[in-house]
Amino acid sequence: MSNQVEPVGNGAPVISGVSAPAAPATPPPAPAAQAADPGQVAELTQQQKAAVEAAVEEANRALESAAPSIRLSLDGETNQVVVRLIDQNTGSVIRQIPSEEDLAIAARLRDLVGVFFNQQI
């Protein structure tokens, strides 16, 4: 079989005897996102909260010898892990991530989302 270049109606050359590459298969549709109650985003079950608290305590024990000035905790209102850098001489907090202000904003936003989207599915 010989390949020949032939012009087509619009003037673009086409090689006869050569098949065009197959069109790429369309990817499967993305799975539908689970509808979650936005007011419940930061809520943990008692079992999850206990597991996170245990992990935080274990991390604190591991950090005790390597980095005694770093302390981890779980914020009770937002369920976020908080990292504090502690001055070893005075015991005062040098730096906290997220800050107290950030935690207060997160808690307030969670409350507001609950007000705006307080519906059952």
PDB file of N, CA and C in Angstrom:
ATOM      1  N   MET A   1       0.841  -1.151   0.000  1.00  0.00           N
ATOM      2  CA  MET A   1       0.000   0.000   0.000  1.00  0.00           C
ATOM      3  C   MET A   1       0.898   1.229   0.000  1.00  0.00           C
ATOM      4  N   SER A   2       0.656   2.142  -0.907  1.00  0.00           N
ATOM      5  CA  SER A   2       1.475   3.342  -0.967  1.00  0.00           C
ATOM      6  C   SER A   2       0.691   4.507  -0.394  1.00  0.00           C
ATOM      7  N   ASN A   3       1.402   5.325   0.301  1.00  0.00           N
ATOM      8  CA  ASN A   3       0.793   6.520   0.876  1.00  0.00           C
ATOM      9  C   ASN A   3       0.944   7.663  -0.110  1.00  0.00           C
ATOM     10  N   GLN A   4      -0.121   8.327  -0.421  1.00  0.00           N
ATOM     11  CA  GLN A   4      -0.070   9.443  -1.354  1.00  0.00           C
ATOM     12  C   GLN A   4      -0.654  10.668  -0.681  1.00  0.00           C
ATOM     13  N   VAL A   5      -0.080  11.819  -0.981  1.00  0.00           N
ATOM     14  CA  VAL A   5      -0.593  13.076  -0.458  1.00  0.00           C
ATOM     15  C   VAL A   5      -1.598  13.607  -1.454  1.00  0.00           C
ATOM     16  N   GLU A   6      -2.823  13.833  -0.990  1.00  0.00           N
ATOM     17  CA  GLU A   6      -3.872  14.350  -1.853  1.00  0.00           C
ATOM     18  C   GLU A   6      -4.452  15.601  -1.217  1.00  0.00           C
ATOM     19  N   PRO A   7      -4.726  16.636  -2.000  1.00  0.00           N
ATOM     20  CA  PRO A   7      -5.343  17.825  -1.431  1.00  0.00           C
ATOM     21  C   PRO A   7      -6.809  17.560  -1.151  1.00  0.00           C
ATOM     22  N   VAL A   8      -7.323  18.198  -0.129  1.00  0.00           N
ATOM     23  CA  VAL A   8      -8.742  18.109   0.175  1.00  0.00           C
ATOM     24  C   VAL A   8      -9.391  19.437  -0.189  1.00  0.00           C
ATOM     25  N   GLY A   9     -10.688  19.540  -0.010  1.00  0.00           N
ATOM     26  CA  GLY A   9     -11.431  20.720  -0.427  1.00  0.00           C
ATOM     27  C   GLY A   9     -10.882  22.034   0.110  1.00  0.00           C
ATOM     28  N   ASN A  10     -10.339  22.042   1.321  1.00  0.00           N
ATOM     29  CA  ASN A  10      -9.856  23.309   1.887  1.00  0.00           C
ATOM     30  C   ASN A  10      -8.387  23.554   1.573  1.00  0.00           C
ATOM     31  N   GLY A  11      -7.776  22.701   0.772  1.00  0.00           N
ATOM     32  CA  GLY A  11      -6.401  22.887   0.355  1.00  0.00           C
ATOM     33  C   GLY A  11      -5.381  22.237   1.263  1.00  0.00           C
ATOM     34  N   ALA A  12      -5.797  21.681   2.389  1.00  0.00           N
ATOM     35  CA  ALA A  12      -4.856  21.031   3.302  1.00  0.00           C
ATOM     36  C   ALA A  12      -4.538  19.649   2.773  1.00  0.00           C
ATOM     37  N   PRO A  13      -3.275  19.235   2.798  1.00  0.00           N
ATOM     38  CA  PRO A  13      -2.920  17.905   2.289  1.00  0.00           C
ATOM     39  C   PRO A  13      -3.380  16.808   3.228  1.00  0.00           C
ATOM     40  N   VAL A  14      -3.768  15.683   2.668  1.00  0.00           N
ATOM     41  CA  VAL A  14      -4.168  14.513   3.430  1.00  0.00           C
ATOM     42  C   VAL A  14      -3.399  13.337   2.867  1.00  0.00           C
ATOM     43  N   ILE A  15      -2.877  12.521   3.734  1.00  0.00           N
ATOM     44  CA  ILE A  15      -2.154  11.344   3.283  1.00  0.00           C
ATOM     45  C   ILE A  15      -3.143  10.202   3.218  1.00  0.00           C
ATOM     46  N   SER A  16      -3.370   9.668   2.024  1.00  0.00           N
ATOM     47  CA  SER A  16      -4.305   8.562   1.903  1.00  0.00           C
ATOM     48  C   SER A  16      -3.631   7.277   2.345  1.00  0.00           C
ATOM     49  N   GLY A  17      -4.398   6.378   2.875  1.00  0.00           N
ATOM     50  CA  GLY A  17      -3.855   5.109   3.333  1.00  0.00           C
ATOM     51  C   GLY A  17      -3.373   5.153   4.768  1.00  0.00           C
ATOM     52  N   VAL A  18      -3.443   6.308   5.409  1.00  0.00           N
ATOM     53  CA  VAL A  18      -3.029   6.441   6.807  1.00  0.00           C
ATOM     54  C   VAL A  18      -4.265   6.803   7.606  1.00  0.00           C
ATOM     55  N   SER A  19      -4.518   6.019   8.611  1.00  0.00           N
ATOM     56  CA  SER A  19      -5.704   6.306   9.411  1.00  0.00           C
ATOM     57  C   SER A  19      -5.377   7.348  10.473  1.00  0.00           C
ATOM     58  N   ALA A  20      -6.340   8.142  10.780  1.00  0.00           N
ATOM     59  CA  ALA A  20      -6.177   9.169  11.814  1.00  0.00           C
ATOM     60  C   ALA A  20      -6.083   8.496  13.171  1.00  0.00           C
ATOM     61  N   PRO A  21      -5.346   9.112  14.070  1.00  0.00           N
ATOM     62  CA  PRO A  21      -5.272   8.526  15.411  1.00  0.00           C
ATOM     63  C   PRO A  21      -6.652   8.513  16.048  1.00  0.00           C
ATOM     64  N   ALA A  22      -6.863   7.504  16.841  1.00  0.00           N
ATOM     65  CA  ALA A  22      -8.154   7.379  17.507  1.00  0.00           C
ATOM     66  C   ALA A  22      -8.344   8.538  18.474  1.00  0.00           C
ATOM     67  N   ALA A  23      -9.544   9.011  18.548  1.00  0.00           N
ATOM     68  CA  ALA A  23      -9.851  10.092  19.489  1.00  0.00           C
ATOM     69  C   ALA A  23      -9.651   9.567  20.902  1.00  0.00           C
ATOM     70  N   PRO A  24      -9.087  10.405  21.781  1.00  0.00           N
ATOM     71  CA  PRO A  24      -8.879   9.937  23.161  1.00  0.00           C
ATOM     72  C   PRO A  24     -10.216   9.633  23.820  1.00  0.00           C
ATOM     73  N   ALA A  25     -10.188   8.600  24.604  1.00  0.00           N
ATOM     74  CA  ALA A  25     -11.406   8.214  25.324  1.00  0.00           C
ATOM     75  C   ALA A  25     -11.752   9.305  26.325  1.00  0.00           C
ATOM     76  N   THR A  26     -13.012   9.567  26.463  1.00  0.00           N
ATOM     77  CA  THR A  26     -13.431  10.582  27.430  1.00  0.00           C
ATOM     78  C   THR A  26     -13.244  10.020  28.833  1.00  0.00           C
ATOM     79  N   PRO A  27     -12.686  10.846  29.713  1.00  0.00           N
ATOM     80  CA  PRO A  27     -12.488  10.353  31.079  1.00  0.00           C
ATOM     81  C   PRO A  27     -13.834  10.135  31.747  1.00  0.00           C
ATOM     82  N   PRO A  28     -13.880   9.198  32.669  1.00  0.00           N
ATOM     83  CA  PRO A  28     -15.143   8.960  33.367  1.00  0.00           C
ATOM     84  C   PRO A  28     -15.519  10.200  34.166  1.00  0.00           C
ATOM     85  N   PRO A  29     -16.797  10.431  34.330  1.00  0.00           N
ATOM     86  CA  PRO A  29     -17.197  11.607  35.097  1.00  0.00           C
ATOM     87  C   PRO A  29     -16.711  11.509  36.532  1.00  0.00           C
ATOM     88  N   ALA A  30     -16.421  12.663  37.090  1.00  0.00           N
ATOM     89  CA  ALA A  30     -15.953  12.709  38.476  1.00  0.00           C
ATOM     90  C   ALA A  30     -17.092  12.274  39.389  1.00  0.00           C
ATOM     91  N   PRO A  31     -16.761  11.573  40.474  1.00  0.00           N
ATOM     92  CA  PRO A  31     -17.819  11.166  41.395  1.00  0.00           C
ATOM     93  C   PRO A  31     -18.492  12.388  41.988  1.00  0.00           C
ATOM     94  N   ALA A  32     -19.764  12.275  42.205  1.00  0.00           N
ATOM     95  CA  ALA A  32     -20.514  13.395  42.763  1.00  0.00           C
ATOM     96  C   ALA A  32     -20.014  13.684  44.165  1.00  0.00           C
ATOM     97  N   ALA A  33     -19.867  14.947  44.452  1.00  0.00           N
ATOM     98  CA  ALA A  33     -19.408  15.340  45.789  1.00  0.00           C
ATOM     99  C   ALA A  33     -20.495  15.013  46.801  1.00  0.00           C
ATOM    100  N   GLN A  34     -20.064  14.535  47.937  1.00  0.00           N
ATOM    101  CA  GLN A  34     -21.026  14.220  48.985  1.00  0.00           C
ATOM    102  C   GLN A  34     -21.587  15.508  49.549  1.00  0.00           C
ATOM    103  N   ALA A  35     -22.853  15.543  49.694  1.00  0.00           N
ATOM    104  CA  ALA A  35     -23.471  16.715  50.301  1.00  0.00           C
ATOM    105  C   ALA A  35     -23.238  16.637  51.794  1.00  0.00           C
ATOM    106  N   ALA A  36     -22.520  17.616  52.308  1.00  0.00           N
ATOM    107  CA  ALA A  36     -22.231  17.643  53.735  1.00  0.00           C
ATOM    108  C   ALA A  36     -22.877  18.868  54.336  1.00  0.00           C
ATOM    109  N   ASP A  37     -23.280  18.755  55.562  1.00  0.00           N
ATOM    110  CA  ASP A  37     -23.853  19.894  56.253  1.00  0.00           C
ATOM    111  C   ASP A  37     -22.698  20.815  56.626  1.00  0.00           C
ATOM    112  N   PRO A  38     -22.614  22.010  56.024  1.00  0.00           N
ATOM    113  CA  PRO A  38     -21.475  22.891  56.295  1.00  0.00           C
ATOM    114  C   PRO A  38     -21.318  23.225  57.769  1.00  0.00           C
ATOM    115  N   GLY A  39     -22.387  23.212  58.514  1.00  0.00           N
ATOM    116  CA  GLY A  39     -22.292  23.513  59.938  1.00  0.00           C
ATOM    117  C   GLY A  39     -21.627  22.395  60.723  1.00  0.00           C
ATOM    118  N   GLN A  40     -21.485  21.237  60.127  1.00  0.00           N
ATOM    119  CA  GLN A  40     -20.915  20.088  60.816  1.00  0.00           C
ATOM    120  C   GLN A  40     -19.494  19.781  60.362  1.00  0.00           C
ATOM    121  N   VAL A  41     -18.872  20.665  59.592  1.00  0.00           N
ATOM    122  CA  VAL A  41     -17.550  20.407  59.044  1.00  0.00           C
ATOM    123  C   VAL A  41     -16.525  20.146  60.135  1.00  0.00           C
ATOM    124  N   ALA A  42     -16.551  20.941  61.192  1.00  0.00           N
ATOM    125  CA  ALA A  42     -15.536  20.826  62.229  1.00  0.00           C
ATOM    126  C   ALA A  42     -15.941  19.887  63.354  1.00  0.00           C
ATOM    127  N   GLU A  43     -17.089  19.240  63.243  1.00  0.00           N
ATOM    128  CA  GLU A  43     -17.545  18.354  64.300  1.00  0.00           C
ATOM    129  C   GLU A  43     -16.850  16.993  64.190  1.00  0.00           C
ATOM    130  N   LEU A  44     -16.421  16.482  65.305  1.00  0.00           N
ATOM    131  CA  LEU A  44     -15.805  15.166  65.366  1.00  0.00           C
ATOM    132  C   LEU A  44     -16.664  14.278  66.249  1.00  0.00           C
ATOM    133  N   THR A  45     -16.665  13.005  65.917  1.00  0.00           N
ATOM    134  CA  THR A  45     -17.337  12.083  66.817  1.00  0.00           C
ATOM    135  C   THR A  45     -16.471  11.953  68.065  1.00  0.00           C
ATOM    136  N   GLN A  46     -17.044  11.427  69.122  1.00  0.00           N
ATOM    137  CA  GLN A  46     -16.273  11.248  70.362  1.00  0.00           C
ATOM    138  C   GLN A  46     -15.064  10.349  70.115  1.00  0.00           C
ATOM    139  N   GLN A  47     -15.253   9.330  69.282  1.00  0.00           N
ATOM    140  CA  GLN A  47     -14.150   8.404  68.990  1.00  0.00           C
ATOM    141  C   GLN A  47     -13.045   9.120  68.212  1.00  0.00           C
ATOM    142  N   GLN A  48     -13.421   9.946  67.214  1.00  0.00           N
ATOM    143  CA  GLN A  48     -12.426  10.684  66.439  1.00  0.00           C
ATOM    144  C   GLN A  48     -11.689  11.684  67.328  1.00  0.00           C
ATOM    145  N   LYS A  49     -12.436  12.372  68.170  1.00  0.00           N
ATOM    146  CA  LYS A  49     -11.818  13.364  69.053  1.00  0.00           C
ATOM    147  C   LYS A  49     -10.839  12.689  70.014  1.00  0.00           C
ATOM    148  N   ALA A  50     -11.216  11.539  70.556  1.00  0.00           N
ATOM    149  CA  ALA A  50     -10.324  10.800  71.455  1.00  0.00           C
ATOM    150  C   ALA A  50      -9.061  10.360  70.718  1.00  0.00           C
ATOM    151  N   ALA A  51      -9.214   9.937  69.463  1.00  0.00           N
ATOM    152  CA  ALA A  51      -8.055   9.511  68.676  1.00  0.00           C
ATOM    153  C   ALA A  51      -7.122  10.684  68.404  1.00  0.00           C
ATOM    154  N   VAL A  52      -7.684  11.848  68.081  1.00  0.00           N
ATOM    155  CA  VAL A  52      -6.856  13.032  67.831  1.00  0.00           C
ATOM    156  C   VAL A  52      -6.162  13.467  69.118  1.00  0.00           C
ATOM    157  N   GLU A  53      -6.884  13.475  70.218  1.00  0.00           N
ATOM    158  CA  GLU A  53      -6.282  13.851  71.499  1.00  0.00           C
ATOM    159  C   GLU A  53      -5.157  12.897  71.869  1.00  0.00           C
ATOM    160  N   ALA A  54      -5.337  11.602  71.634  1.00  0.00           N
ATOM    161  CA  ALA A  54      -4.283  10.623  71.925  1.00  0.00           C
ATOM    162  C   ALA A  54      -3.068  10.865  71.042  1.00  0.00           C
ATOM    163  N   ALA A  55      -3.290  11.197  69.770  1.00  0.00           N
ATOM    164  CA  ALA A  55      -2.184  11.477  68.852  1.00  0.00           C
ATOM    165  C   ALA A  55      -1.434  12.740  69.277  1.00  0.00           C
ATOM    166  N   VAL A  56      -2.172  13.743  69.739  1.00  0.00           N
ATOM    167  CA  VAL A  56      -1.548  14.985  70.209  1.00  0.00           C
ATOM    168  C   VAL A  56      -0.698  14.703  71.441  1.00  0.00           C
ATOM    169  N   GLU A  57      -1.211  13.918  72.377  1.00  0.00           N
ATOM    170  CA  GLU A  57      -0.441  13.568  73.577  1.00  0.00           C
ATOM    171  C   GLU A  57       0.817  12.775  73.223  1.00  0.00           C
ATOM    172  N   GLU A  58       0.679  11.850  72.292  1.00  0.00           N
ATOM    173  CA  GLU A  58       1.842  11.059  71.858  1.00  0.00           C
ATOM    174  C   GLU A  58       2.886  11.957  71.199  1.00  0.00           C
ATOM    175  N   ALA A  59       2.429  12.897  70.378  1.00  0.00           N
ATOM    176  CA  ALA A  59       3.354  13.835  69.740  1.00  0.00           C
ATOM    177  C   ALA A  59       4.047  14.708  70.780  1.00  0.00           C
ATOM    178  N   ASN A  60       3.314  15.140  71.796  1.00  0.00           N
ATOM    179  CA  ASN A  60       3.916  15.949  72.866  1.00  0.00           C
ATOM    180  C   ASN A  60       4.988  15.163  73.611  1.00  0.00           C
ATOM    181  N   ARG A  61       4.732  13.879  73.861  1.00  0.00           N
ATOM    182  CA  ARG A  61       5.743  13.046  74.537  1.00  0.00           C
ATOM    183  C   ARG A  61       6.989  12.902  73.663  1.00  0.00           C
ATOM    184  N   ALA A  62       6.787  12.736  72.350  1.00  0.00           N
ATOM    185  CA  ALA A  62       7.923  12.602  71.440  1.00  0.00           C
ATOM    186  C   ALA A  62       8.704  13.915  71.333  1.00  0.00           C
ATOM    187  N   LEU A  63       7.994  15.031  71.375  1.00  0.00           N
ATOM    188  CA  LEU A  63       8.651  16.339  71.265  1.00  0.00           C
ATOM    189  C   LEU A  63       9.345  16.761  72.553  1.00  0.00           C
ATOM    190  N   GLU A  64       8.967  16.147  73.662  1.00  0.00           N
ATOM    191  CA  GLU A  64       9.491  16.549  74.964  1.00  0.00           C
ATOM    192  C   GLU A  64      11.014  16.572  75.003  1.00  0.00           C
ATOM    193  N   SER A  65      11.654  15.568  74.450  1.00  0.00           N
ATOM    194  CA  SER A  65      13.118  15.523  74.495  1.00  0.00           C
ATOM    195  C   SER A  65      13.749  16.233  73.303  1.00  0.00           C
ATOM    196  N   ALA A  66      13.107  16.167  72.142  1.00  0.00           N
ATOM    197  CA  ALA A  66      13.700  16.747  70.938  1.00  0.00           C
ATOM    198  C   ALA A  66      13.471  18.259  70.854  1.00  0.00           C
ATOM    199  N   ALA A  67      12.273  18.706  71.189  1.00  0.00           N
ATOM    200  CA  ALA A  67      11.937  20.125  71.094  1.00  0.00           C
ATOM    201  C   ALA A  67      11.013  20.485  72.253  1.00  0.00           C
ATOM    202  N   PRO A  68      11.580  20.633  73.444  1.00  0.00           N
ATOM    203  CA  PRO A  68      10.745  20.848  74.624  1.00  0.00           C
ATOM    204  C   PRO A  68       9.955  22.157  74.594  1.00  0.00           C
ATOM    205  N   SER A  69      10.315  23.072  73.711  1.00  0.00           N
ATOM    206  CA  SER A  69       9.603  24.348  73.676  1.00  0.00           C
ATOM    207  C   SER A  69       8.362  24.292  72.780  1.00  0.00           C
ATOM    208  N   ILE A  70       8.098  23.168  72.140  1.00  0.00           N
ATOM    209  CA  ILE A  70       6.930  23.035  71.270  1.00  0.00           C
ATOM    210  C   ILE A  70       5.875  22.187  71.972  1.00  0.00           C
ATOM    211  N   ARG A  71       4.651  22.708  72.000  1.00  0.00           N
ATOM    212  CA  ARG A  71       3.528  21.996  72.611  1.00  0.00           C
ATOM    213  C   ARG A  71       2.372  21.969  71.633  1.00  0.00           C
ATOM    214  N   LEU A  72       1.712  20.837  71.556  1.00  0.00           N
ATOM    215  CA  LEU A  72       0.530  20.670  70.716  1.00  0.00           C
ATOM    216  C   LEU A  72      -0.688  20.515  71.606  1.00  0.00           C
ATOM    217  N   SER A  73      -1.823  20.997  71.108  1.00  0.00           N
ATOM    218  CA  SER A  73      -3.088  20.801  71.828  1.00  0.00           C
ATOM    219  C   SER A  73      -4.211  20.797  70.808  1.00  0.00           C
ATOM    220  N   LEU A  74      -5.377  20.396  71.255  1.00  0.00           N
ATOM    221  CA  LEU A  74      -6.561  20.382  70.405  1.00  0.00           C
ATOM    222  C   LEU A  74      -7.517  21.437  70.918  1.00  0.00           C
ATOM    223  N   ASP A  75      -7.866  22.404  70.066  1.00  0.00           N
ATOM    224  CA  ASP A  75      -8.811  23.447  70.463  1.00  0.00           C
ATOM    225  C   ASP A  75     -10.192  22.825  70.564  1.00  0.00           C
ATOM    226  N   GLY A  76     -10.821  22.976  71.716  1.00  0.00           N
ATOM    227  CA  GLY A  76     -12.103  22.337  71.959  1.00  0.00           C
ATOM    228  C   GLY A  76     -13.249  22.874  71.135  1.00  0.00           C
ATOM    229  N   GLU A  77     -13.199  24.143  70.747  1.00  0.00           N
ATOM    230  CA  GLU A  77     -14.308  24.740  70.027  1.00  0.00           C
ATOM    231  C   GLU A  77     -14.239  24.484  68.518  1.00  0.00           C
ATOM    232  N   THR A  78     -13.029  24.529  67.953  1.00  0.00           N
ATOM    233  CA  THR A  78     -12.886  24.370  66.499  1.00  0.00           C
ATOM    234  C   THR A  78     -12.344  23.004  66.093  1.00  0.00           C
ATOM    235  N   ASN A  79     -11.893  22.215  67.053  1.00  0.00           N
ATOM    236  CA  ASN A  79     -11.284  20.906  66.800  1.00  0.00           C
ATOM    237  C   ASN A  79     -10.048  21.004  65.905  1.00  0.00           C
ATOM    238  N   GLN A  80      -9.330  22.109  66.011  1.00  0.00           N
ATOM    239  CA  GLN A  80      -8.086  22.285  65.274  1.00  0.00           C
ATOM    240  C   GLN A  80      -6.903  22.015  66.191  1.00  0.00           C
ATOM    241  N   VAL A  81      -5.863  21.417  65.615  1.00  0.00           N
ATOM    242  CA  VAL A  81      -4.633  21.209  66.376  1.00  0.00           C
ATOM    243  C   VAL A  81      -3.923  22.557  66.463  1.00  0.00           C
ATOM    244  N   VAL A  82      -3.501  22.907  67.661  1.00  0.00           N
ATOM    245  CA  VAL A  82      -2.831  24.179  67.917  1.00  0.00           C
ATOM    246  C   VAL A  82      -1.389  23.888  68.299  1.00  0.00           C
ATOM    247  N   VAL A  83      -0.461  24.610  67.685  1.00  0.00           N
ATOM    248  CA  VAL A  83       0.966  24.465  67.983  1.00  0.00           C
ATOM    249  C   VAL A  83       1.404  25.722  68.719  1.00  0.00           C
ATOM    250  N   ARG A  84       2.053  25.525  69.869  1.00  0.00           N
ATOM    251  CA  ARG A  84       2.545  26.663  70.655  1.00  0.00           C
ATOM    252  C   ARG A  84       4.051  26.528  70.847  1.00  0.00           C
ATOM    253  N   LEU A  85       4.740  27.642  70.671  1.00  0.00           N
ATOM    254  CA  LEU A  85       6.165  27.733  70.962  1.00  0.00           C
ATOM    255  C   LEU A  85       6.275  28.416  72.320  1.00  0.00           C
ATOM    256  N   ILE A  86       6.839  27.684  73.291  1.00  0.00           N
ATOM    257  CA  ILE A  86       6.866  28.126  74.687  1.00  0.00           C
ATOM    258  C   ILE A  86       8.277  28.562  75.082  1.00  0.00           C
ATOM    259  N   ASP A  87       8.387  29.695  75.778  1.00  0.00           N
ATOM    260  CA  ASP A  87       9.667  30.131  76.332  1.00  0.00           C
ATOM    261  C   ASP A  87       9.970  29.228  77.528  1.00  0.00           C
ATOM    262  N   GLN A  88      11.074  28.525  77.482  1.00  0.00           N
ATOM    263  CA  GLN A  88      11.415  27.559  78.530  1.00  0.00           C
ATOM    264  C   GLN A  88      11.710  28.224  79.873  1.00  0.00           C
ATOM    265  N   ASN A  89      12.180  29.462  79.845  1.00  0.00           N
ATOM    266  CA  ASN A  89      12.513  30.151  81.096  1.00  0.00           C
ATOM    267  C   ASN A  89      11.273  30.690  81.800  1.00  0.00           C
ATOM    268  N   THR A  90      10.355  31.251  81.050  1.00  0.00           N
ATOM    269  CA  THR A  90       9.197  31.892  81.668  1.00  0.00           C
ATOM    270  C   THR A  90       7.917  31.065  81.540  1.00  0.00           C
ATOM    271  N   GLY A  91       7.873  30.143  80.588  1.00  0.00           N
ATOM    272  CA  GLY A  91       6.676  29.356  80.373  1.00  0.00           C
ATOM    273  C   GLY A  91       5.615  30.083  79.555  1.00  0.00           C
ATOM    274  N   SER A  92       5.952  31.290  79.081  1.00  0.00           N
ATOM    275  CA  SER A  92       4.972  32.052  78.300  1.00  0.00           C
ATOM    276  C   SER A  92       4.990  31.618  76.837  1.00  0.00           C
ATOM    277  N   VAL A  93       3.871  31.852  76.177  1.00  0.00           N
ATOM    278  CA  VAL A  93       3.735  31.484  74.767  1.00  0.00           C
ATOM    279  C   VAL A  93       4.416  32.548  73.917  1.00  0.00           C
ATOM    280  N   ILE A  94       5.392  32.113  73.111  1.00  0.00           N
ATOM    281  CA  ILE A  94       6.084  33.023  72.198  1.00  0.00           C
ATOM    282  C   ILE A  94       5.276  33.176  70.915  1.00  0.00           C
ATOM    283  N   ARG A  95       4.793  32.056  70.417  1.00  0.00           N
ATOM    284  CA  ARG A  95       4.045  32.047  69.155  1.00  0.00           C
ATOM    285  C   ARG A  95       3.034  30.915  69.199  1.00  0.00           C
ATOM    286  N   GLN A  96       1.871  31.146  68.615  1.00  0.00           N
ATOM    287  CA  GLN A  96       0.837  30.117  68.540  1.00  0.00           C
ATOM    288  C   GLN A  96       0.291  30.079  67.118  1.00  0.00           C
ATOM    289  N   ILE A  97       0.137  28.858  66.596  1.00  0.00           N
ATOM    290  CA  ILE A  97      -0.423  28.665  65.255  1.00  0.00           C
ATOM    291  C   ILE A  97      -1.522  27.626  65.346  1.00  0.00           C
ATOM    292  N   PRO A  98      -2.745  27.917  64.939  1.00  0.00           N
ATOM    293  CA  PRO A  98      -3.284  29.224  64.584  1.00  0.00           C
ATOM    294  C   PRO A  98      -3.418  30.095  65.825  1.00  0.00           C
ATOM    295  N   SER A  99      -3.411  31.403  65.606  1.00  0.00           N
ATOM    296  CA  SER A  99      -3.475  32.351  66.721  1.00  0.00           C
ATOM    297  C   SER A  99      -4.846  32.282  67.398  1.00  0.00           C
ATOM    298  N   GLU A 100      -4.932  32.856  68.586  1.00  0.00           N
ATOM    299  CA  GLU A 100      -6.206  32.900  69.305  1.00  0.00           C
ATOM    300  C   GLU A 100      -7.263  33.628  68.472  1.00  0.00           C
ATOM    301  N   GLU A 101      -6.829  34.682  67.783  1.00  0.00           N
ATOM    302  CA  GLU A 101      -7.763  35.429  66.929  1.00  0.00           C
ATOM    303  C   GLU A 101      -8.288  34.547  65.798  1.00  0.00           C
ATOM    304  N   ASP A 102      -7.380  33.790  65.162  1.00  0.00           N
ATOM    305  CA  ASP A 102      -7.792  32.893  64.073  1.00  0.00           C
ATOM    306  C   ASP A 102      -8.768  31.832  64.581  1.00  0.00           C
ATOM    307  N   LEU A 103      -8.512  31.306  65.762  1.00  0.00           N
ATOM    308  CA  LEU A 103      -9.418  30.303  66.330  1.00  0.00           C
ATOM    309  C   LEU A 103     -10.790  30.907  66.619  1.00  0.00           C
ATOM    310  N   ALA A 104     -10.806  32.147  67.134  1.00  0.00           N
ATOM    311  CA  ALA A 104     -12.076  32.813  67.416  1.00  0.00           C
ATOM    312  C   ALA A 104     -12.848  33.074  66.124  1.00  0.00           C
ATOM    313  N   ILE A 105     -12.148  33.489  65.071  1.00  0.00           N
ATOM    314  CA  ILE A 105     -12.790  33.725  63.773  1.00  0.00           C
ATOM    315  C   ILE A 105     -13.344  32.415  63.220  1.00  0.00           C
ATOM    316  N   ALA A 106     -12.560  31.357  63.299  1.00  0.00           N
ATOM    317  CA  ALA A 106     -13.017  30.051  62.792  1.00  0.00           C
ATOM    318  C   ALA A 106     -14.259  29.575  63.529  1.00  0.00           C
ATOM    319  N   ALA A 107     -14.277  29.763  64.843  1.00  0.00           N
ATOM    320  CA  ALA A 107     -15.444  29.350  65.633  1.00  0.00           C
ATOM    321  C   ALA A 107     -16.663  30.178  65.249  1.00  0.00           C
ATOM    322  N   ARG A 108     -16.476  31.464  65.077  1.00  0.00           N
ATOM    323  CA  ARG A 108     -17.599  32.345  64.709  1.00  0.00           C
ATOM    324  C   ARG A 108     -18.115  32.008  63.307  1.00  0.00           C
ATOM    325  N   LEU A 109     -17.195  31.776  62.368  1.00  0.00           N
ATOM    326  CA  LEU A 109     -17.603  31.415  61.007  1.00  0.00           C
ATOM    327  C   LEU A 109     -18.374  30.105  61.005  1.00  0.00           C
ATOM    328  N   ARG A 110     -17.942  29.168  61.811  1.00  0.00           N
ATOM    329  CA  ARG A 110     -18.647  27.890  61.892  1.00  0.00           C
ATOM    330  C   ARG A 110     -20.063  28.101  62.411  1.00  0.00           C
ATOM    331  N   ASP A 111     -20.197  28.971  63.385  1.00  0.00           N
ATOM    332  CA  ASP A 111     -21.532  29.288  63.911  1.00  0.00           C
ATOM    333  C   ASP A 111     -22.396  29.951  62.846  1.00  0.00           C
ATOM    334  N   LEU A 112     -21.795  30.885  62.091  1.00  0.00           N
ATOM    335  CA  LEU A 112     -22.550  31.582  61.048  1.00  0.00           C
ATOM    336  C   LEU A 112     -22.963  30.640  59.926  1.00  0.00           C
ATOM    337  N   VAL A 113     -22.084  29.736  59.539  1.00  0.00           N
ATOM    338  CA  VAL A 113     -22.423  28.765  58.499  1.00  0.00           C
ATOM    339  C   VAL A 113     -23.584  27.909  58.985  1.00  0.00           C
ATOM    340  N   GLY A 114     -23.574  27.558  60.236  1.00  0.00           N
ATOM    341  CA  GLY A 114     -24.668  26.776  60.798  1.00  0.00           C
ATOM    342  C   GLY A 114     -25.986  27.526  60.756  1.00  0.00           C
ATOM    343  N   VAL A 115     -25.939  28.851  60.931  1.00  0.00           N
ATOM    344  CA  VAL A 115     -27.160  29.657  60.871  1.00  0.00           C
ATOM    345  C   VAL A 115     -27.675  29.724  59.445  1.00  0.00           C
ATOM    346  N   PHE A 116     -26.765  29.970  58.489  1.00  0.00           N
ATOM    347  CA  PHE A 116     -27.157  30.127  57.086  1.00  0.00           C
ATOM    348  C   PHE A 116     -27.587  28.818  56.440  1.00  0.00           C
ATOM    349  N   PHE A 117     -26.980  27.728  56.832  1.00  0.00           N
ATOM    350  CA  PHE A 117     -27.238  26.449  56.202  1.00  0.00           C
ATOM    351  C   PHE A 117     -27.806  25.426  57.181  1.00  0.00           C
ATOM    352  N   ASN A 118     -28.601  25.859  58.090  1.00  0.00           N
ATOM    353  CA  ASN A 118     -29.156  24.968  59.095  1.00  0.00           C
ATOM    354  C   ASN A 118     -30.360  24.245  58.511  1.00  0.00           C
ATOM    355  N   GLN A 119     -30.075  23.188  57.770  1.00  0.00           N
ATOM    356  CA  GLN A 119     -31.143  22.401  57.169  1.00  0.00           C
ATOM    357  C   GLN A 119     -30.749  20.938  57.212  1.00  0.00           C
ATOM    358  N   GLN A 120     -31.750  20.091  57.193  1.00  0.00           N
ATOM    359  CA  GLN A 120     -31.484  18.660  57.180  1.00  0.00           C
ATOM    360  C   GLN A 120     -31.722  18.140  55.778  1.00  0.00           C
ATOM    361  N   ILE A 121     -30.920  17.170  55.402  1.00  0.00           N
ATOM    362  CA  ILE A 121     -31.061  16.563  54.071  1.00  0.00           C
ATOM    363  C   ILE A 121     -31.740  15.240  54.196  1.00  0.00           C
TER     364      ILE A 121
END
